[in-house]
Amino acid sequence: MILVGPPILSAHYGSIYFGKENGVLLGFSVGIICVTFACWKLYIDDWRDDED
């Protein structure tokens, strides 16, 4: 949900308040931050580490 919700909402509201082009840029920027956070969580919390 963290990878889908914030970028879509920020692009939507950004396009309303800042225009179409700037809203899409805002959505991409928020998406980059969300993907960075998700990768950081995968690395720090070892979500993909096998449980033996």
N, C-alpha and C. Protein backbone atom coordinates (compact mmCIF):
# COMPACT_ATOMS: atom_id res chain seq x y z
N MET A 1 0.81 -1.20 0.00
CA MET A 1 0.00 0.00 0.00
C MET A 1 0.86 1.26 0.00
N ILE A 2 2.03 1.16 0.63
CA ILE A 2 2.89 2.34 0.70
C ILE A 2 3.46 2.71 -0.67
N LEU A 3 3.53 1.73 -1.59
CA LEU A 3 4.08 2.03 -2.91
C LEU A 3 3.03 2.54 -3.88
N VAL A 4 1.76 2.40 -3.54
CA VAL A 4 0.70 2.78 -4.47
C VAL A 4 -0.04 4.04 -4.04
N GLY A 5 -0.41 4.10 -2.78
CA GLY A 5 -1.27 5.18 -2.29
C GLY A 5 -0.68 6.58 -2.36
N PRO A 6 0.43 6.82 -1.68
CA PRO A 6 0.97 8.18 -1.66
C PRO A 6 1.33 8.76 -3.04
N PRO A 7 1.95 7.98 -3.96
CA PRO A 7 2.24 8.58 -5.26
C PRO A 7 0.98 8.95 -6.05
N ILE A 8 -0.04 8.09 -5.99
CA ILE A 8 -1.27 8.39 -6.73
C ILE A 8 -1.97 9.60 -6.14
N LEU A 9 -2.07 9.64 -4.82
CA LEU A 9 -2.74 10.78 -4.18
C LEU A 9 -1.97 12.08 -4.38
N SER A 10 -0.65 12.02 -4.29
CA SER A 10 0.13 13.25 -4.48
C SER A 10 0.06 13.72 -5.93
N ALA A 11 0.03 12.80 -6.88
CA ALA A 11 -0.11 13.21 -8.28
C ALA A 11 -1.49 13.81 -8.53
N HIS A 12 -2.49 13.22 -7.91
CA HIS A 12 -3.87 13.72 -8.09
C HIS A 12 -4.03 15.13 -7.53
N TYR A 13 -3.68 15.29 -6.25
CA TYR A 13 -3.85 16.61 -5.63
C TYR A 13 -2.83 17.62 -6.15
N GLY A 14 -1.65 17.15 -6.52
CA GLY A 14 -0.68 18.06 -7.12
C GLY A 14 -1.14 18.59 -8.46
N SER A 15 -1.82 17.74 -9.25
CA SER A 15 -2.32 18.22 -10.54
C SER A 15 -3.48 19.18 -10.36
N ILE A 16 -4.22 19.03 -9.28
CA ILE A 16 -5.31 19.98 -9.02
C ILE A 16 -4.75 21.35 -8.64
N TYR A 17 -3.76 21.36 -7.76
CA TYR A 17 -3.25 22.63 -7.23
C TYR A 17 -2.11 23.23 -8.06
N PHE A 18 -1.29 22.40 -8.72
CA PHE A 18 -0.11 22.92 -9.40
C PHE A 18 -0.14 22.75 -10.91
N GLY A 19 -1.18 22.17 -11.44
CA GLY A 19 -1.25 21.92 -12.87
C GLY A 19 -0.86 20.48 -13.18
N LYS A 20 -1.18 20.07 -14.41
CA LYS A 20 -1.00 18.68 -14.81
C LYS A 20 0.46 18.23 -14.77
N GLU A 21 1.35 19.01 -15.38
CA GLU A 21 2.76 18.61 -15.46
C GLU A 21 3.42 18.58 -14.09
N ASN A 22 3.20 19.61 -13.29
CA ASN A 22 3.81 19.67 -11.97
C ASN A 22 3.22 18.62 -11.03
N GLY A 23 1.95 18.29 -11.20
CA GLY A 23 1.35 17.24 -10.39
C GLY A 23 1.96 15.88 -10.67
N VAL A 24 2.23 15.60 -11.94
CA VAL A 24 2.88 14.33 -12.29
C VAL A 24 4.30 14.30 -11.74
N LEU A 25 5.01 15.40 -11.81
CA LEU A 25 6.36 15.46 -11.24
C LEU A 25 6.33 15.25 -9.73
N LEU A 26 5.33 15.81 -9.07
CA LEU A 26 5.18 15.60 -7.64
C LEU A 26 4.91 14.13 -7.34
N GLY A 27 4.07 13.49 -8.15
CA GLY A 27 3.79 12.06 -7.97
C GLY A 27 5.03 11.21 -8.15
N PHE A 28 5.84 11.51 -9.14
CA PHE A 28 7.10 10.78 -9.34
C PHE A 28 8.05 10.99 -8.16
N SER A 29 8.12 12.20 -7.67
CA SER A 29 9.02 12.49 -6.55
C SER A 29 8.60 11.73 -5.30
N VAL A 30 7.32 11.72 -5.01
CA VAL A 30 6.82 10.97 -3.86
C VAL A 30 7.01 9.48 -4.08
N GLY A 31 6.85 9.01 -5.30
CA GLY A 31 7.07 7.60 -5.61
C GLY A 31 8.51 7.18 -5.37
N ILE A 32 9.46 8.02 -5.71
CA ILE A 32 10.87 7.71 -5.48
C ILE A 32 11.14 7.60 -3.99
N ILE A 33 10.57 8.50 -3.21
CA ILE A 33 10.74 8.45 -1.76
C ILE A 33 10.12 7.17 -1.19
N CYS A 34 8.94 6.78 -1.67
CA CYS A 34 8.27 5.57 -1.18
C CYS A 34 9.06 4.31 -1.53
N VAL A 35 9.60 4.24 -2.74
CA VAL A 35 10.39 3.07 -3.13
C VAL A 35 11.68 3.01 -2.32
N THR A 36 12.29 4.15 -2.07
CA THR A 36 13.49 4.20 -1.25
C THR A 36 13.19 3.71 0.17
N PHE A 37 12.07 4.13 0.72
CA PHE A 37 11.69 3.69 2.06
C PHE A 37 11.42 2.19 2.09
N ALA A 38 10.73 1.66 1.08
CA ALA A 38 10.43 0.23 1.04
C ALA A 38 11.72 -0.59 0.92
N CYS A 39 12.66 -0.14 0.10
CA CYS A 39 13.95 -0.85 -0.03
C CYS A 39 14.73 -0.78 1.27
N TRP A 40 14.67 0.35 1.94
CA TRP A 40 15.35 0.48 3.22
C TRP A 40 14.75 -0.48 4.25
N LYS A 41 13.43 -0.59 4.27
CA LYS A 41 12.78 -1.52 5.20
C LYS A 41 13.17 -2.96 4.87
N LEU A 42 13.26 -3.30 3.60
CA LEU A 42 13.68 -4.65 3.22
C LEU A 42 15.10 -4.94 3.71
N TYR A 43 15.96 -3.95 3.60
CA TYR A 43 17.36 -4.15 3.99
C TYR A 43 17.52 -4.17 5.51
N ILE A 44 16.93 -3.22 6.20
CA ILE A 44 17.12 -3.09 7.64
C ILE A 44 16.43 -4.22 8.40
N ASP A 45 15.20 -4.53 8.04
CA ASP A 45 14.43 -5.53 8.79
C ASP A 45 14.62 -6.94 8.27
N ASP A 46 15.43 -7.13 7.26
CA ASP A 46 15.68 -8.45 6.67
C ASP A 46 14.39 -9.20 6.39
N TRP A 47 13.48 -8.55 5.69
CA TRP A 47 12.19 -9.17 5.38
C TRP A 47 12.35 -10.40 4.50
N ARG A 48 13.40 -10.44 3.68
CA ARG A 48 13.56 -11.56 2.76
C ARG A 48 14.51 -12.62 3.29
N ASP A 49 14.96 -12.46 4.51
CA ASP A 49 15.86 -13.43 5.10
C ASP A 49 15.11 -14.72 5.40
N ASP A 50 15.70 -15.84 5.00
CA ASP A 50 15.07 -17.14 5.24
C ASP A 50 15.13 -17.49 6.72
N GLU A 51 14.02 -17.97 7.22
CA GLU A 51 13.96 -18.41 8.61
C GLU A 51 14.33 -19.88 8.68
N ASP A 52 15.43 -20.19 9.32
CA ASP A 52 15.86 -21.59 9.43
C ASP A 52 15.59 -22.15 10.80
